[in-house]
Amino acid sequence: MLHYLFLALSLTATLPGAPTTPAQLGTSISLRSNEEGRLVLIRGAQTSGVETYKSKSGLTHLRFRLTSGGASYAAIAYENQWTPALRRALEAGRVDAAGVWETFQGAPSFTLKYVVAPLSTATTTAARNLLRIRDAFVPEGSVQKITRAQNVTFTFLVGSEIYQGVMYAGSWNSAALDLLLSGRVTLYGHWETFEGRPSFVTTRVTP
């Protein structure tokens, strides 16, 4: 066991990522006993070649390439740790990725545990004036599309408080809807009055 930990520490010392914890990420992550203390966060990682494949045991995993610091690595998200929303975030091409480094077929491989899709560099300046609401819970039945105006309305909970949210036409797509329907998300936007009620005008949704 000590030998394994020594190898793991030697491996991560030369690979991308800064040590982190689930608490620092503001989420809960299922870690095996040999993964405790090895979680790292790779900011601005490029992702490509996202695809599913079935293992010999019949499980459907997600594999992709992760590029950081000019080097490209094999990466995987196991069946019980990825969702369609996470896949869409990876397909967007650039994420903050949390996971652990392993060795697969003699080469470093990144096991993804959690992903945050950051705001694009094109919207960074404008985004400084946006509010961020983390860990918002969106009841699935509350998400509605107003056909005439093509707006999307929803309710969300932060703690025990209930609020109304809206995404105007042109600011949402199917990926944003999938994220809202996934239940628990981070919302970016600002407050204004919509249909006579205070509403959080949402311009971006991330897992």
Protein backbone atom coordinates (compact mmCIF):
# COMPACT_ATOMS: atom_id res chain seq x y z
CA MET A 1 0.00 0.00 0.00
CA LEU A 2 2.78 2.43 0.92
CA HIS A 3 4.55 1.55 -2.33
CA TYR A 4 1.37 2.31 -4.28
CA LEU A 5 0.93 5.67 -2.55
CA PHE A 6 4.57 6.58 -3.28
CA LEU A 7 4.04 5.83 -6.98
CA ALA A 8 0.81 7.82 -7.03
CA LEU A 9 2.44 10.84 -5.40
CA SER A 10 5.41 10.66 -7.78
CA LEU A 11 3.04 10.52 -10.73
CA THR A 12 0.89 13.51 -9.72
CA ALA A 13 3.95 15.63 -8.94
CA THR A 14 4.71 15.94 -12.65
CA LEU A 15 1.17 16.15 -14.02
CA PRO A 16 -1.30 19.06 -14.35
CA GLY A 17 -3.60 19.98 -11.51
CA ALA A 18 -3.64 21.59 -8.09
CA PRO A 19 -4.68 19.64 -5.00
CA THR A 20 -8.30 20.23 -4.00
CA THR A 21 -11.10 18.74 -1.93
CA PRO A 22 -14.85 18.23 -2.49
CA ALA A 23 -15.49 20.92 0.14
CA GLN A 24 -13.36 23.43 -1.77
CA LEU A 25 -15.32 22.62 -4.93
CA GLY A 26 -18.60 23.08 -3.08
CA THR A 27 -19.89 19.63 -3.94
CA SER A 28 -19.85 16.01 -2.80
CA ILE A 29 -17.72 13.51 -4.71
CA SER A 30 -17.57 9.76 -4.24
CA LEU A 31 -13.94 8.78 -3.75
CA ARG A 32 -12.51 5.32 -3.20
CA SER A 33 -10.22 4.82 -0.24
CA ASN A 34 -7.10 4.89 -2.44
CA GLU A 35 -8.26 8.19 -4.01
CA GLU A 36 -8.52 10.14 -0.76
CA GLY A 37 -6.06 13.02 -0.79
CA ARG A 38 -5.30 12.63 -4.51
CA LEU A 39 -8.05 14.82 -5.96
CA VAL A 40 -6.74 17.62 -8.22
CA LEU A 41 -8.36 20.46 -10.15
CA ILE A 42 -7.14 21.25 -13.67
CA ARG A 43 -8.32 24.71 -14.71
CA GLY A 44 -8.97 25.54 -18.35
CA ALA A 45 -8.39 22.00 -19.60
CA GLN A 46 -9.19 21.38 -23.26
CA THR A 47 -11.33 18.33 -23.97
CA SER A 48 -11.84 16.54 -27.28
CA GLY A 49 -12.82 13.19 -28.77
CA VAL A 50 -15.65 12.66 -26.28
CA GLU A 51 -17.28 9.26 -26.84
CA THR A 52 -18.95 6.41 -24.96
CA TYR A 53 -17.78 2.81 -24.94
CA LYS A 54 -18.87 -0.40 -23.26
CA SER A 55 -16.53 -2.27 -20.97
CA LYS A 56 -16.26 -6.05 -20.91
CA SER A 57 -18.61 -6.04 -17.94
CA GLY A 58 -21.25 -4.18 -19.98
CA LEU A 59 -20.86 -0.77 -18.33
CA THR A 60 -20.98 2.39 -20.46
CA HIS A 61 -18.08 4.73 -19.73
CA LEU A 62 -17.18 8.09 -21.23
CA ARG A 63 -13.68 8.55 -22.62
CA PHE A 64 -11.99 11.59 -24.10
CA ARG A 65 -8.67 13.41 -24.47
CA LEU A 66 -7.66 16.04 -21.94
CA THR A 67 -5.05 18.63 -22.91
CA SER A 68 -3.30 20.91 -20.43
CA GLY A 69 0.07 22.63 -20.51
CA GLY A 70 0.63 21.54 -24.11
CA ALA A 71 0.36 17.81 -23.29
CA SER A 72 -2.54 15.50 -24.10
CA TYR A 73 -3.72 12.64 -21.89
CA ALA A 74 -6.28 9.85 -21.97
CA ALA A 75 -9.22 10.53 -19.65
CA ILE A 76 -12.28 8.62 -18.51
CA ALA A 77 -15.52 9.16 -16.59
CA TYR A 78 -16.98 5.91 -15.29
CA GLU A 79 -20.62 4.97 -15.82
CA ASN A 80 -21.86 5.94 -12.37
CA GLN A 81 -20.07 9.29 -12.47
CA TRP A 82 -21.16 10.92 -15.73
CA THR A 83 -24.45 12.37 -16.94
CA PRO A 84 -25.65 13.81 -20.28
CA ALA A 85 -25.12 17.29 -18.80
CA LEU A 86 -21.52 16.45 -17.94
CA ARG A 87 -20.95 15.09 -21.44
CA ARG A 88 -22.25 18.31 -23.00
CA ALA A 89 -19.90 20.31 -20.79
CA LEU A 90 -16.96 18.22 -22.03
CA GLU A 91 -18.09 18.58 -25.64
CA ALA A 92 -18.00 22.37 -25.21
CA GLY A 93 -14.22 21.97 -25.33
CA ARG A 94 -12.90 23.73 -22.24
CA VAL A 95 -13.62 22.95 -18.60
CA ASP A 96 -12.27 23.00 -15.08
CA ALA A 97 -11.84 19.28 -14.41
CA ALA A 98 -11.51 17.62 -11.01
CA GLY A 99 -10.28 14.05 -10.76
CA VAL A 100 -7.42 11.75 -9.92
CA TRP A 101 -4.42 10.59 -11.92
CA GLU A 102 -4.00 6.88 -12.56
CA THR A 103 -1.76 4.75 -14.78
CA PHE A 104 -3.38 2.90 -17.70
CA GLN A 105 -1.36 0.72 -20.09
CA GLY A 106 1.83 2.31 -18.79
CA ALA A 107 0.74 5.93 -19.38
CA PRO A 108 -0.90 8.59 -17.19
CA SER A 109 -4.70 8.59 -17.38
CA PHE A 110 -7.10 11.07 -15.77
CA THR A 111 -10.19 9.72 -14.00
CA LEU A 112 -12.79 12.49 -14.04
CA LYS A 113 -14.85 13.02 -10.90
CA TYR A 114 -16.41 16.46 -11.38
CA VAL A 115 -16.47 19.16 -14.02
CA VAL A 116 -17.18 22.88 -14.08
CA ALA A 117 -17.71 24.56 -17.45
CA PRO A 118 -16.18 28.05 -16.98
CA LEU A 119 -17.40 31.20 -18.65
CA SER A 120 -15.79 31.65 -22.05
CA THR A 121 -13.03 34.24 -22.39
CA ALA A 122 -15.27 36.20 -24.75
CA THR A 123 -17.73 36.92 -21.91
CA THR A 124 -15.28 37.27 -19.04
CA THR A 125 -15.40 41.10 -18.92
CA ALA A 126 -19.18 41.29 -19.04
CA ALA A 127 -19.43 38.41 -16.60
CA ARG A 128 -17.75 40.45 -13.87
CA ASN A 129 -21.12 42.14 -13.35
CA LEU A 130 -23.05 38.86 -13.23
CA LEU A 131 -24.22 37.19 -10.07
CA ARG A 132 -23.51 33.52 -9.48
CA ILE A 133 -25.91 31.28 -7.56
CA ARG A 134 -24.29 27.97 -6.68
CA ASP A 135 -26.07 24.75 -5.74
CA ALA A 136 -29.48 25.90 -6.95
CA PHE A 137 -32.07 23.11 -7.04
CA VAL A 138 -34.51 23.26 -9.98
CA PRO A 139 -37.61 21.02 -9.63
CA GLU A 140 -38.05 19.22 -12.96
CA GLY A 141 -41.73 20.05 -13.27
CA SER A 142 -41.09 23.79 -12.93
CA VAL A 143 -39.17 24.17 -16.20
CA GLN A 144 -41.51 25.56 -18.87
CA LYS A 145 -41.01 26.97 -22.33
CA ILE A 146 -43.28 29.87 -23.31
CA THR A 147 -43.87 29.01 -26.96
CA ARG A 148 -44.96 32.44 -28.17
CA ALA A 149 -41.95 34.33 -26.84
CA GLN A 150 -39.54 31.35 -26.73
CA ASN A 151 -38.58 32.20 -23.15
CA VAL A 152 -37.91 29.52 -20.53
CA THR A 153 -39.18 29.96 -16.99
CA PHE A 154 -38.42 27.86 -13.92
CA THR A 155 -38.35 27.97 -10.15
CA PHE A 156 -35.30 27.17 -8.08
CA LEU A 157 -34.51 26.66 -4.42
CA VAL A 158 -31.52 27.89 -2.48
CA GLY A 159 -31.77 26.37 0.95
CA SER A 160 -35.43 26.71 1.89
CA GLU A 161 -36.06 29.84 -0.19
CA ILE A 162 -37.92 29.60 -3.53
CA TYR A 163 -37.22 31.96 -6.44
CA GLN A 164 -38.30 32.42 -10.05
CA GLY A 165 -35.85 32.22 -12.93
CA VAL A 166 -36.11 33.05 -16.62
CA MET A 167 -33.95 32.54 -19.70
CA TYR A 168 -34.89 34.82 -22.57
CA ALA A 169 -35.07 33.69 -26.17
CA GLY A 170 -31.60 33.50 -27.67
CA SER A 171 -29.87 32.90 -24.33
CA TRP A 172 -30.78 29.21 -23.96
CA ASN A 173 -30.33 26.02 -25.96
CA SER A 174 -31.00 22.31 -25.51
CA ALA A 175 -27.83 21.92 -23.40
CA ALA A 176 -29.06 24.60 -20.98
CA LEU A 177 -32.44 22.86 -20.72
CA ASP A 178 -30.75 19.53 -20.01
CA LEU A 179 -28.77 21.16 -17.21
CA LEU A 180 -31.89 22.72 -15.68
CA LEU A 181 -33.69 19.37 -15.87
CA SER A 182 -30.74 17.65 -14.17
CA GLY A 183 -31.89 19.28 -10.93
CA ARG A 184 -28.89 20.91 -9.25
CA VAL A 185 -26.94 23.61 -11.09
CA THR A 186 -25.01 26.87 -10.88
CA LEU A 187 -26.81 29.89 -12.36
CA TYR A 188 -25.26 33.08 -13.75
CA GLY A 189 -27.30 36.22 -14.34
CA HIS A 190 -28.92 39.21 -12.67
CA TRP A 191 -32.15 40.17 -10.92
CA GLU A 192 -34.94 42.10 -12.62
CA THR A 193 -38.74 42.12 -12.77
CA PHE A 194 -40.37 39.62 -15.14
CA GLU A 195 -44.17 39.48 -15.47
CA GLY A 196 -44.48 41.58 -12.33
CA ARG A 197 -42.31 39.34 -10.16
CA PRO A 198 -38.65 39.54 -9.10
CA SER A 199 -36.85 37.00 -11.29
CA PHE A 200 -33.31 35.85 -11.80
CA VAL A 201 -32.58 36.48 -15.48
CA THR A 202 -30.24 33.61 -16.26
CA THR A 203 -27.67 33.91 -19.04
CA ARG A 204 -25.64 30.77 -18.33
CA VAL A 205 -26.09 27.44 -16.58
CA THR A 206 -23.30 25.08 -15.51
CA PRO A 207 -23.31 21.75 -13.64
